């Protein structure tokens, strides 16, 4: 909804594999029905509420994002946030950092 914050965080992920960077975007909207959380990454998919609104978008933004993330050997997922809203999480390979000599 208008006037509510969108939070963006970026940080390292250590999962035993190569280093990764995690980007999270969280809104405070109504969230997404649990059975649609995977579908929102399909081209032209929109949840029912978005279809009913005048300007619900085209359903391409997350599909394009998911394809770009996968082409960079990354992962993308979505989950409903505790207390309302949606969290979209992107993990991408990160270059290892080295300590200065």
PDB file of N, CA and C in Angstrom:
ATOM      1  N   UNK A   1       0.814  -1.208   0.000  1.00  0.00           N
ATOM      2  CA  UNK A   1       0.000   0.000   0.000  1.00  0.00           C
ATOM      3  C   UNK A   1       0.854   1.266   0.000  1.00  0.00           C
ATOM      4  N   UNK A   2       0.325   2.334  -0.561  1.00  0.00           N
ATOM      5  CA  UNK A   2       1.048   3.603  -0.596  1.00  0.00           C
ATOM      6  C   UNK A   2       1.432   4.020   0.814  1.00  0.00           C
ATOM      7  N   UNK A   3       2.640   4.545   0.947  1.00  0.00           N
ATOM      8  CA  UNK A   3       3.111   5.048   2.229  1.00  0.00           C
ATOM      9  C   UNK A   3       3.722   3.991   3.136  1.00  0.00           C
ATOM     10  N   UNK A   4       3.744   2.741   2.709  1.00  0.00           N
ATOM     11  CA  UNK A   4       4.377   1.715   3.531  1.00  0.00           C
ATOM     12  C   UNK A   4       5.802   1.483   3.025  1.00  0.00           C
ATOM     13  N   UNK A   5       6.693   1.106   3.928  1.00  0.00           N
ATOM     14  CA  UNK A   5       8.097   0.961   3.515  1.00  0.00           C
ATOM     15  C   UNK A   5       8.359  -0.304   2.718  1.00  0.00           C
ATOM     16  N   UNK A   6       9.386  -0.236   1.913  1.00  0.00           N
ATOM     17  CA  UNK A   6       9.969  -1.400   1.248  1.00  0.00           C
ATOM     18  C   UNK A   6      11.409  -1.458   1.752  1.00  0.00           C
ATOM     19  N   UNK A   7      11.792  -2.595   2.301  1.00  0.00           N
ATOM     20  CA  UNK A   7      13.122  -2.755   2.883  1.00  0.00           C
ATOM     21  C   UNK A   7      13.990  -3.580   1.939  1.00  0.00           C
ATOM     22  N   UNK A   8      15.200  -3.091   1.685  1.00  0.00           N
ATOM     23  CA  UNK A   8      16.159  -3.804   0.837  1.00  0.00           C
ATOM     24  C   UNK A   8      17.415  -4.032   1.662  1.00  0.00           C
ATOM     25  N   UNK A   9      17.852  -5.291   1.743  1.00  0.00           N
ATOM     26  CA  UNK A   9      19.086  -5.611   2.467  1.00  0.00           C
ATOM     27  C   UNK A   9      20.010  -6.416   1.556  1.00  0.00           C
ATOM     28  N   UNK A  10      21.294  -6.271   1.787  1.00  0.00           N
ATOM     29  CA  UNK A  10      22.315  -6.979   1.032  1.00  0.00           C
ATOM     30  C   UNK A  10      23.379  -7.436   1.999  1.00  0.00           C
ATOM     31  N   UNK A  11      23.778  -8.693   1.879  1.00  0.00           N
ATOM     32  CA  UNK A  11      24.822  -9.194   2.760  1.00  0.00           C
ATOM     33  C   UNK A  11      25.389 -10.502   2.254  1.00  0.00           C
ATOM     34  N   UNK A  12      26.474 -10.948   2.892  1.00  0.00           N
ATOM     35  CA  UNK A  12      27.099 -12.210   2.487  1.00  0.00           C
ATOM     36  C   UNK A  12      26.338 -13.408   3.031  1.00  0.00           C
ATOM     37  N   UNK A  13      26.473 -14.547   2.341  1.00  0.00           N
ATOM     38  CA  UNK A  13      25.877 -15.803   2.785  1.00  0.00           C
ATOM     39  C   UNK A  13      26.999 -16.831   2.849  1.00  0.00           C
ATOM     40  N   UNK A  14      27.048 -17.542   3.939  1.00  0.00           N
ATOM     41  CA  UNK A  14      28.025 -18.605   4.085  1.00  0.00           C
ATOM     42  C   UNK A  14      27.268 -19.905   4.269  1.00  0.00           C
ATOM     43  N   UNK A  15      27.229 -20.717   3.201  1.00  0.00           N
ATOM     44  CA  UNK A  15      26.503 -21.978   3.294  1.00  0.00           C
ATOM     45  C   UNK A  15      27.402 -23.168   3.006  1.00  0.00           C
ATOM     46  N   UNK A  16      28.705 -22.999   3.186  1.00  0.00           N
ATOM     47  CA  UNK A  16      29.640 -24.081   2.949  1.00  0.00           C
ATOM     48  C   UNK A  16      30.125 -24.158   1.513  1.00  0.00           C
ATOM     49  N   UNK A  17      29.424 -23.540   0.599  1.00  0.00           N
ATOM     50  CA  UNK A  17      29.838 -23.519  -0.803  1.00  0.00           C
ATOM     51  C   UNK A  17      30.668 -22.264  -1.046  1.00  0.00           C
ATOM     52  N   UNK A  18      30.778 -21.927  -2.292  1.00  0.00           N
ATOM     53  CA  UNK A  18      31.454 -20.689  -2.665  1.00  0.00           C
ATOM     54  C   UNK A  18      30.696 -19.509  -2.072  1.00  0.00           C
ATOM     55  N   UNK A  19      31.367 -18.399  -1.845  1.00  0.00           N
ATOM     56  CA  UNK A  19      30.691 -17.238  -1.257  1.00  0.00           C
ATOM     57  C   UNK A  19      29.551 -16.745  -2.150  1.00  0.00           C
ATOM     58  N   UNK A  20      28.498 -16.292  -1.490  1.00  0.00           N
ATOM     59  CA  UNK A  20      27.325 -15.788  -2.196  1.00  0.00           C
ATOM     60  C   UNK A  20      26.906 -14.473  -1.554  1.00  0.00           C
ATOM     61  N   UNK A  21      26.235 -13.653  -2.353  1.00  0.00           N
ATOM     62  CA  UNK A  21      25.632 -12.419  -1.851  1.00  0.00           C
ATOM     63  C   UNK A  21      24.123 -12.608  -1.836  1.00  0.00           C
ATOM     64  N   UNK A  22      23.473 -12.177  -0.765  1.00  0.00           N
ATOM     65  CA  UNK A  22      22.015 -12.292  -0.655  1.00  0.00           C
ATOM     66  C   UNK A  22      21.401 -10.895  -0.650  1.00  0.00           C
ATOM     67  N   UNK A  23      20.459 -10.712  -1.556  1.00  0.00           N
ATOM     68  CA  UNK A  23      19.666  -9.494  -1.640  1.00  0.00           C
ATOM     69  C   UNK A  23      18.247  -9.852  -1.252  1.00  0.00           C
ATOM     70  N   UNK A  24      17.687  -9.119  -0.298  1.00  0.00           N
ATOM     71  CA  UNK A  24      16.298  -9.342   0.092  1.00  0.00           C
ATOM     72  C   UNK A  24      15.512  -8.063  -0.078  1.00  0.00           C
ATOM     73  N   UNK A  25      14.340  -8.202  -0.651  1.00  0.00           N
ATOM     74  CA  UNK A  25      13.412  -7.087  -0.815  1.00  0.00           C
ATOM     75  C   UNK A  25      12.128  -7.481  -0.100  1.00  0.00           C
ATOM     76  N   UNK A  26      11.704  -6.636   0.857  1.00  0.00           N
ATOM     77  CA  UNK A  26      10.501  -6.937   1.627  1.00  0.00           C
ATOM     78  C   UNK A  26       9.533  -5.766   1.543  1.00  0.00           C
ATOM     79  N   UNK A  27       8.273  -6.090   1.238  1.00  0.00           N
ATOM     80  CA  UNK A  27       7.237  -5.064   1.281  1.00  0.00           C
ATOM     81  C   UNK A  27       6.299  -5.374   2.440  1.00  0.00           C
ATOM     82  N   UNK A  28       5.323  -4.531   2.630  1.00  0.00           N
ATOM     83  CA  UNK A  28       4.364  -4.700   3.726  1.00  0.00           C
ATOM     84  C   UNK A  28       2.939  -4.763   3.187  1.00  0.00           C
ATOM     85  N   UNK A  29       2.807  -5.322   2.000  1.00  0.00           N
ATOM     86  CA  UNK A  29       1.501  -5.471   1.371  1.00  0.00           C
ATOM     87  C   UNK A  29       0.783  -6.715   1.868  1.00  0.00           C
ATOM     88  N   UNK A  30      -0.173  -7.190   1.098  1.00  0.00           N
ATOM     89  CA  UNK A  30      -0.987  -8.327   1.523  1.00  0.00           C
ATOM     90  C   UNK A  30      -0.279  -9.673   1.405  1.00  0.00           C
ATOM     91  N   UNK A  31       0.896  -9.724   0.785  1.00  0.00           N
ATOM     92  CA  UNK A  31       1.564 -11.004   0.574  1.00  0.00           C
ATOM     93  C   UNK A  31       0.985 -11.722  -0.630  1.00  0.00           C
ATOM     94  N   UNK A  32       1.312 -12.992  -0.756  1.00  0.00           N
ATOM     95  CA  UNK A  32       0.891 -13.819  -1.888  1.00  0.00           C
ATOM     96  C   UNK A  32       0.318 -15.110  -1.323  1.00  0.00           C
ATOM     97  N   UNK A  33      -0.774 -15.620  -1.883  1.00  0.00           N
ATOM     98  CA  UNK A  33      -1.272 -16.911  -1.404  1.00  0.00           C
ATOM     99  C   UNK A  33      -0.151 -17.955  -1.457  1.00  0.00           C
ATOM    100  N   UNK A  34      -0.071 -18.786  -0.424  1.00  0.00           N
ATOM    101  CA  UNK A  34       1.022 -19.757  -0.314  1.00  0.00           C
ATOM    102  C   UNK A  34       1.136 -20.647  -1.547  1.00  0.00           C
ATOM    103  N   UNK A  35       0.017 -21.014  -2.136  1.00  0.00           N
ATOM    104  CA  UNK A  35       0.069 -21.902  -3.304  1.00  0.00           C
ATOM    105  C   UNK A  35       0.514 -21.188  -4.577  1.00  0.00           C
ATOM    106  N   UNK A  36       0.715 -19.882  -4.524  1.00  0.00           N
ATOM    107  CA  UNK A  36       1.150 -19.121  -5.698  1.00  0.00           C
ATOM    108  C   UNK A  36       2.594 -18.638  -5.590  1.00  0.00           C
ATOM    109  N   UNK A  37       3.288 -18.950  -4.493  1.00  0.00           N
ATOM    110  CA  UNK A  37       4.633 -18.413  -4.291  1.00  0.00           C
ATOM    111  C   UNK A  37       5.613 -18.822  -5.390  1.00  0.00           C
ATOM    112  N   UNK A  38       5.487 -19.994  -5.952  1.00  0.00           N
ATOM    113  CA  UNK A  38       6.360 -20.397  -7.065  1.00  0.00           C
ATOM    114  C   UNK A  38       5.856 -19.839  -8.389  1.00  0.00           C
ATOM    115  N   UNK A  39       4.552 -19.699  -8.517  1.00  0.00           N
ATOM    116  CA  UNK A  39       3.962 -19.230  -9.777  1.00  0.00           C
ATOM    117  C   UNK A  39       4.310 -17.786 -10.105  1.00  0.00           C
ATOM    118  N   UNK A  40       4.596 -16.966  -9.095  1.00  0.00           N
ATOM    119  CA  UNK A  40       4.849 -15.542  -9.364  1.00  0.00           C
ATOM    120  C   UNK A  40       6.098 -15.319 -10.204  1.00  0.00           C
ATOM    121  N   UNK A  41       6.920 -16.357 -10.384  1.00  0.00           N
ATOM    122  CA  UNK A  41       8.111 -16.245 -11.220  1.00  0.00           C
ATOM    123  C   UNK A  41       7.862 -16.690 -12.659  1.00  0.00           C
ATOM    124  N   UNK A  42       6.629 -17.088 -12.972  1.00  0.00           N
ATOM    125  CA  UNK A  42       6.264 -17.472 -14.348  1.00  0.00           C
ATOM    126  C   UNK A  42       5.842 -16.231 -15.137  1.00  0.00           C
ATOM    127  N   UNK A  43       6.183 -16.176 -16.430  1.00  0.00           N
ATOM    128  CA  UNK A  43       5.771 -15.024 -17.240  1.00  0.00           C
ATOM    129  C   UNK A  43       4.248 -14.864 -17.268  1.00  0.00           C
ATOM    130  N   UNK A  44       3.814 -13.632 -17.114  1.00  0.00           N
ATOM    131  CA  UNK A  44       2.418 -13.201 -17.207  1.00  0.00           C
ATOM    132  C   UNK A  44       1.532 -13.694 -16.059  1.00  0.00           C
ATOM    133  N   UNK A  45       2.116 -14.337 -15.054  1.00  0.00           N
ATOM    134  CA  UNK A  45       1.308 -14.782 -13.915  1.00  0.00           C
ATOM    135  C   UNK A  45       1.070 -13.602 -12.984  1.00  0.00           C
ATOM    136  N   UNK A  46      -0.168 -13.457 -12.558  1.00  0.00           N
ATOM    137  CA  UNK A  46      -0.529 -12.447 -11.556  1.00  0.00           C
ATOM    138  C   UNK A  46      -1.503 -13.093 -10.593  1.00  0.00           C
ATOM    139  N   UNK A  47      -1.334 -12.806  -9.305  1.00  0.00           N
ATOM    140  CA  UNK A  47      -2.287 -13.345  -8.335  1.00  0.00           C
ATOM    141  C   UNK A  47      -3.638 -12.691  -8.565  1.00  0.00           C
ATOM    142  N   UNK A  48      -4.692 -13.313  -8.082  1.00  0.00           N
ATOM    143  CA  UNK A  48      -6.056 -12.851  -8.349  1.00  0.00           C
ATOM    144  C   UNK A  48      -6.265 -11.397  -7.961  1.00  0.00           C
ATOM    145  N   UNK A  49      -5.719 -10.964  -6.820  1.00  0.00           N
ATOM    146  CA  UNK A  49      -5.897  -9.570  -6.396  1.00  0.00           C
ATOM    147  C   UNK A  49      -5.309  -8.604  -7.415  1.00  0.00           C
ATOM    148  N   UNK A  50      -4.154  -8.943  -7.978  1.00  0.00           N
ATOM    149  CA  UNK A  50      -3.519  -8.065  -8.958  1.00  0.00           C
ATOM    150  C   UNK A  50      -4.327  -8.027 -10.252  1.00  0.00           C
ATOM    151  N   UNK A  51      -4.973  -9.131 -10.603  1.00  0.00           N
ATOM    152  CA  UNK A  51      -5.784  -9.156 -11.824  1.00  0.00           C
ATOM    153  C   UNK A  51      -6.996  -8.259 -11.703  1.00  0.00           C
ATOM    154  N   UNK A  52      -7.488  -8.104 -10.477  1.00  0.00           N
ATOM    155  CA  UNK A  52      -8.699  -7.317 -10.262  1.00  0.00           C
ATOM    156  C   UNK A  52      -8.430  -5.816 -10.209  1.00  0.00           C
ATOM    157  N   UNK A  53      -7.190  -5.431  -9.937  1.00  0.00           N
ATOM    158  CA  UNK A  53      -6.870  -4.015  -9.835  1.00  0.00           C
ATOM    159  C   UNK A  53      -6.663  -3.397 -11.206  1.00  0.00           C
ATOM    160  N   UNK A  54      -6.877  -2.104 -11.279  1.00  0.00           N
ATOM    161  CA  UNK A  54      -6.722  -1.375 -12.539  1.00  0.00           C
ATOM    162  C   UNK A  54      -5.290  -1.426 -13.042  1.00  0.00           C
ATOM    163  N   UNK A  55      -4.314  -1.260 -12.152  1.00  0.00           N
ATOM    164  CA  UNK A  55      -2.911  -1.255 -12.584  1.00  0.00           C
ATOM    165  C   UNK A  55      -2.141  -2.349 -11.858  1.00  0.00           C
ATOM    166  N   UNK A  56      -2.462  -3.590 -12.142  1.00  0.00           N
ATOM    167  CA  UNK A  56      -1.830  -4.713 -11.473  1.00  0.00           C
ATOM    168  C   UNK A  56      -0.522  -5.152 -12.097  1.00  0.00           C
ATOM    169  N   UNK A  57      -0.043  -4.489 -13.134  1.00  0.00           N
ATOM    170  CA  UNK A  57       1.184  -4.900 -13.800  1.00  0.00           C
ATOM    171  C   UNK A  57       0.913  -5.970 -14.840  1.00  0.00           C
ATOM    172  N   UNK A  58       1.965  -6.396 -15.510  1.00  0.00           N
ATOM    173  CA  UNK A  58       1.820  -7.373 -16.582  1.00  0.00           C
ATOM    174  C   UNK A  58       2.213  -8.785 -16.171  1.00  0.00           C
ATOM    175  N   UNK A  59       2.857  -8.931 -15.025  1.00  0.00           N
ATOM    176  CA  UNK A  59       3.305 -10.248 -14.604  1.00  0.00           C
ATOM    177  C   UNK A  59       4.628 -10.641 -15.235  1.00  0.00           C
ATOM    178  N   UNK A  60       5.413  -9.675 -15.653  1.00  0.00           N
ATOM    179  CA  UNK A  60       6.705  -9.974 -16.267  1.00  0.00           C
ATOM    180  C   UNK A  60       7.902  -9.664 -15.377  1.00  0.00           C
ATOM    181  N   UNK A  61       7.775  -8.755 -14.452  1.00  0.00           N
ATOM    182  CA  UNK A  61       8.926  -8.301 -13.659  1.00  0.00           C
ATOM    183  C   UNK A  61       9.659  -9.411 -12.936  1.00  0.00           C
ATOM    184  N   UNK A  62       8.945 -10.217 -12.166  1.00  0.00           N
ATOM    185  CA  UNK A  62       9.605 -11.291 -11.426  1.00  0.00           C
ATOM    186  C   UNK A  62      10.066 -12.415 -12.346  1.00  0.00           C
ATOM    187  N   UNK A  63       9.369 -12.640 -13.455  1.00  0.00           N
ATOM    188  CA  UNK A  63       9.798 -13.663 -14.407  1.00  0.00           C
ATOM    189  C   UNK A  63      11.126 -13.270 -15.058  1.00  0.00           C
ATOM    190  N   UNK A  64      11.254 -12.014 -15.441  1.00  0.00           N
ATOM    191  CA  UNK A  64      12.510 -11.524 -16.028  1.00  0.00           C
ATOM    192  C   UNK A  64      13.619 -11.577 -14.986  1.00  0.00           C
ATOM    193  N   UNK A  65      13.320 -11.161 -13.771  1.00  0.00           N
ATOM    194  CA  UNK A  65      14.305 -11.200 -12.696  1.00  0.00           C
ATOM    195  C   UNK A  65      14.782 -12.625 -12.448  1.00  0.00           C
ATOM    196  N   UNK A  66      13.848 -13.574 -12.362  1.00  0.00           N
ATOM    197  CA  UNK A  66      14.212 -14.966 -12.101  1.00  0.00           C
ATOM    198  C   UNK A  66      15.114 -15.515 -13.205  1.00  0.00           C
ATOM    199  N   UNK A  67      14.809 -15.196 -14.435  1.00  0.00           N
ATOM    200  CA  UNK A  67      15.634 -15.688 -15.532  1.00  0.00           C
ATOM    201  C   UNK A  67      17.042 -15.098 -15.469  1.00  0.00           C
ATOM    202  N   UNK A  68      17.149 -13.805 -15.183  1.00  0.00           N
ATOM    203  CA  UNK A  68      18.467 -13.170 -15.078  1.00  0.00           C
ATOM    204  C   UNK A  68      19.268 -13.762 -13.922  1.00  0.00           C
ATOM    205  N   UNK A  69      18.617 -13.994 -12.790  1.00  0.00           N
ATOM    206  CA  UNK A  69      19.298 -14.573 -11.631  1.00  0.00           C
ATOM    207  C   UNK A  69      19.814 -15.969 -11.970  1.00  0.00           C
ATOM    208  N   UNK A  70      19.005 -16.785 -12.587  1.00  0.00           N
ATOM    209  CA  UNK A  70      19.420 -18.154 -12.939  1.00  0.00           C
ATOM    210  C   UNK A  70      20.557 -18.156 -13.959  1.00  0.00           C
ATOM    211  N   UNK A  71      20.538 -17.230 -14.890  1.00  0.00           N
ATOM    212  CA  UNK A  71      21.613 -17.156 -15.892  1.00  0.00           C
ATOM    213  C   UNK A  71      22.945 -16.755 -15.261  1.00  0.00           C
ATOM    214  N   UNK A  72      22.883 -16.183 -14.072  1.00  0.00           N
ATOM    215  CA  UNK A  72      24.102 -15.819 -13.339  1.00  0.00           C
ATOM    216  C   UNK A  72      24.383 -16.828 -12.226  1.00  0.00           C
ATOM    217  N   UNK A  73      23.860 -18.037 -12.379  1.00  0.00           N
ATOM    218  CA  UNK A  73      24.069 -19.130 -11.417  1.00  0.00           C
ATOM    219  C   UNK A  73      23.550 -18.793 -10.027  1.00  0.00           C
ATOM    220  N   UNK A  74      22.478 -18.028  -9.981  1.00  0.00           N
ATOM    221  CA  UNK A  74      21.906 -17.641  -8.706  1.00  0.00           C
ATOM    222  C   UNK A  74      20.625 -18.382  -8.387  1.00  0.00           C
ATOM    223  N   UNK A  75      20.043 -18.010  -7.268  1.00  0.00           N
ATOM    224  CA  UNK A  75      18.780 -18.588  -6.799  1.00  0.00           C
ATOM    225  C   UNK A  75      17.835 -17.440  -6.448  1.00  0.00           C
ATOM    226  N   UNK A  76      16.558 -17.672  -6.648  1.00  0.00           N
ATOM    227  CA  UNK A  76      15.544 -16.688  -6.267  1.00  0.00           C
ATOM    228  C   UNK A  76      14.390 -17.433  -5.608  1.00  0.00           C
ATOM    229  N   UNK A  77      13.824 -16.822  -4.582  1.00  0.00           N
ATOM    230  CA  UNK A  77      12.687 -17.424  -3.894  1.00  0.00           C
ATOM    231  C   UNK A  77      11.833 -16.317  -3.300  1.00  0.00           C
ATOM    232  N   UNK A  78      10.632 -16.693  -2.910  1.00  0.00           N
ATOM    233  CA  UNK A  78       9.721 -15.739  -2.280  1.00  0.00           C
ATOM    234  C   UNK A  78       9.040 -16.426  -1.115  1.00  0.00           C
ATOM    235  N   UNK A  79       8.746 -15.644  -0.089  1.00  0.00           N
ATOM    236  CA  UNK A  79       7.985 -16.154   1.046  1.00  0.00           C
ATOM    237  C   UNK A  79       7.193 -15.014   1.656  1.00  0.00           C
ATOM    238  N   UNK A  80       6.109 -15.364   2.291  1.00  0.00           N
ATOM    239  CA  UNK A  80       5.324 -14.366   2.993  1.00  0.00           C
ATOM    240  C   UNK A  80       6.038 -14.010   4.289  1.00  0.00           C
ATOM    241  N   UNK A  81       6.086 -12.728   4.573  1.00  0.00           N
ATOM    242  CA  UNK A  81       6.779 -12.238   5.766  1.00  0.00           C
ATOM    243  C   UNK A  81       5.889 -12.385   6.996  1.00  0.00           C
ATOM    244  N   UNK A  82       6.488 -12.682   8.128  1.00  0.00           N
ATOM    245  CA  UNK A  82       5.700 -12.695   9.358  1.00  0.00           C
ATOM    246  C   UNK A  82       5.080 -11.314   9.574  1.00  0.00           C
ATOM    247  N   UNK A  83       3.819 -11.267   9.890  1.00  0.00           N
ATOM    248  CA  UNK A  83       3.158  -9.987  10.103  1.00  0.00           C
ATOM    249  C   UNK A  83       2.652  -9.329   8.836  1.00  0.00           C
ATOM    250  N   UNK A  84       2.825  -9.966   7.683  1.00  0.00           N
ATOM    251  CA  UNK A  84       2.311  -9.415   6.428  1.00  0.00           C
ATOM    252  C   UNK A  84       3.413  -8.945   5.509  1.00  0.00           C
ATOM    253  N   UNK A  85       3.142  -9.021   4.239  1.00  0.00           N
ATOM    254  CA  UNK A  85       4.104  -8.598   3.237  1.00  0.00           C
ATOM    255  C   UNK A  85       4.774  -9.776   2.570  1.00  0.00           C
ATOM    256  N   UNK A  86       5.623  -9.476   1.628  1.00  0.00           N
ATOM    257  CA  UNK A  86       6.319 -10.481   0.838  1.00  0.00           C
ATOM    258  C   UNK A  86       7.815 -10.216   0.904  1.00  0.00           C
ATOM    259  N   UNK A  87       8.593 -11.290   0.993  1.00  0.00           N
ATOM    260  CA  UNK A  87      10.051 -11.204   0.927  1.00  0.00           C
ATOM    261  C   UNK A  87      10.487 -11.942  -0.331  1.00  0.00           C
ATOM    262  N   UNK A  88      11.223 -11.260  -1.199  1.00  0.00           N
ATOM    263  CA  UNK A  88      11.842 -11.893  -2.354  1.00  0.00           C
ATOM    264  C   UNK A  88      13.335 -11.925  -2.056  1.00  0.00           C
ATOM    265  N   UNK A  89      13.905 -13.126  -2.141  1.00  0.00           N
ATOM    266  CA  UNK A  89      15.308 -13.346  -1.791  1.00  0.00           C
ATOM    267  C   UNK A  89      16.072 -13.799  -3.033  1.00  0.00           C
ATOM    268  N   UNK A  90      17.174 -13.109  -3.311  1.00  0.00           N
ATOM    269  CA  UNK A  90      18.040 -13.430  -4.438  1.00  0.00           C
ATOM    270  C   UNK A  90      19.433 -13.724  -3.893  1.00  0.00           C
ATOM    271  N   UNK A  91      20.002 -14.853  -4.316  1.00  0.00           N
ATOM    272  CA  UNK A  91      21.383 -15.169  -3.956  1.00  0.00           C
ATOM    273  C   UNK A  91      22.178 -15.332  -5.237  1.00  0.00           C
ATOM    274  N   UNK A  92      23.320 -14.660  -5.288  1.00  0.00           N
ATOM    275  CA  UNK A  92      24.199 -14.702  -6.458  1.00  0.00           C
ATOM    276  C   UNK A  92      25.616 -15.036  -6.021  1.00  0.00           C
ATOM    277  N   UNK A  93      26.380 -15.709  -6.879  1.00  0.00           N
ATOM    278  CA  UNK A  93      27.785 -15.970  -6.545  1.00  0.00           C
ATOM    279  C   UNK A  93      28.505 -14.646  -6.304  1.00  0.00           C
ATOM    280  N   UNK A  94      29.377 -14.657  -5.325  1.00  0.00           N
ATOM    281  CA  UNK A  94      30.159 -13.449  -4.998  1.00  0.00           C
ATOM    282  C   UNK A  94      31.632 -13.789  -5.100  1.00  0.00           C
ATOM    283  N   UNK A  95      32.405 -12.828  -5.513  1.00  0.00           N
ATOM    284  CA  UNK A  95      33.848 -13.030  -5.575  1.00  0.00           C
ATOM    285  C   UNK A  95      34.379 -13.117  -4.143  1.00  0.00           C
ATOM    286  N   UNK A  96      35.273 -14.036  -3.874  1.00  0.00           N
ATOM    287  CA  UNK A  96      35.842 -14.106  -2.535  1.00  0.00           C
ATOM    288  C   UNK A  96      36.613 -12.833  -2.225  1.00  0.00           C
ATOM    289  N   UNK A  97      36.526 -12.422  -0.993  1.00  0.00           N
ATOM    290  CA  UNK A  97      37.278 -11.240  -0.576  1.00  0.00           C
ATOM    291  C   UNK A  97      38.628 -11.684  -0.040  1.00  0.00           C
ATOM    292  N   UNK A  98      39.610 -10.880  -0.238  1.00  0.00           N
ATOM    293  CA  UNK A  98      40.920 -11.209   0.287  1.00  0.00           C
ATOM    294  C   UNK A  98      41.364 -10.106   1.218  1.00  0.00           C
ATOM    295  N   UNK A  99      42.154 -10.467   2.173  1.00  0.00           N
ATOM    296  CA  UNK A  99      42.677  -9.497   3.121  1.00  0.00           C
ATOM    297  C   UNK A  99      43.845  -8.764   2.463  1.00  0.00           C
ATOM    298  N   UNK A 100      43.967  -7.483   2.776  1.00  0.00           N
ATOM    299  CA  UNK A 100      45.112  -6.747   2.231  1.00  0.00           C
ATOM    300  C   UNK A 100      46.420  -7.350   2.750  1.00  0.00           C
ATOM    301  N   UNK A 101      47.467  -7.317   1.939  1.00  0.00           N
ATOM    302  CA  UNK A 101      48.753  -7.901   2.369  1.00  0.00           C
ATOM    303  C   UNK A 101      49.355  -7.183   3.542  1.00  0.00           C
TER     304      UNK A 101
END
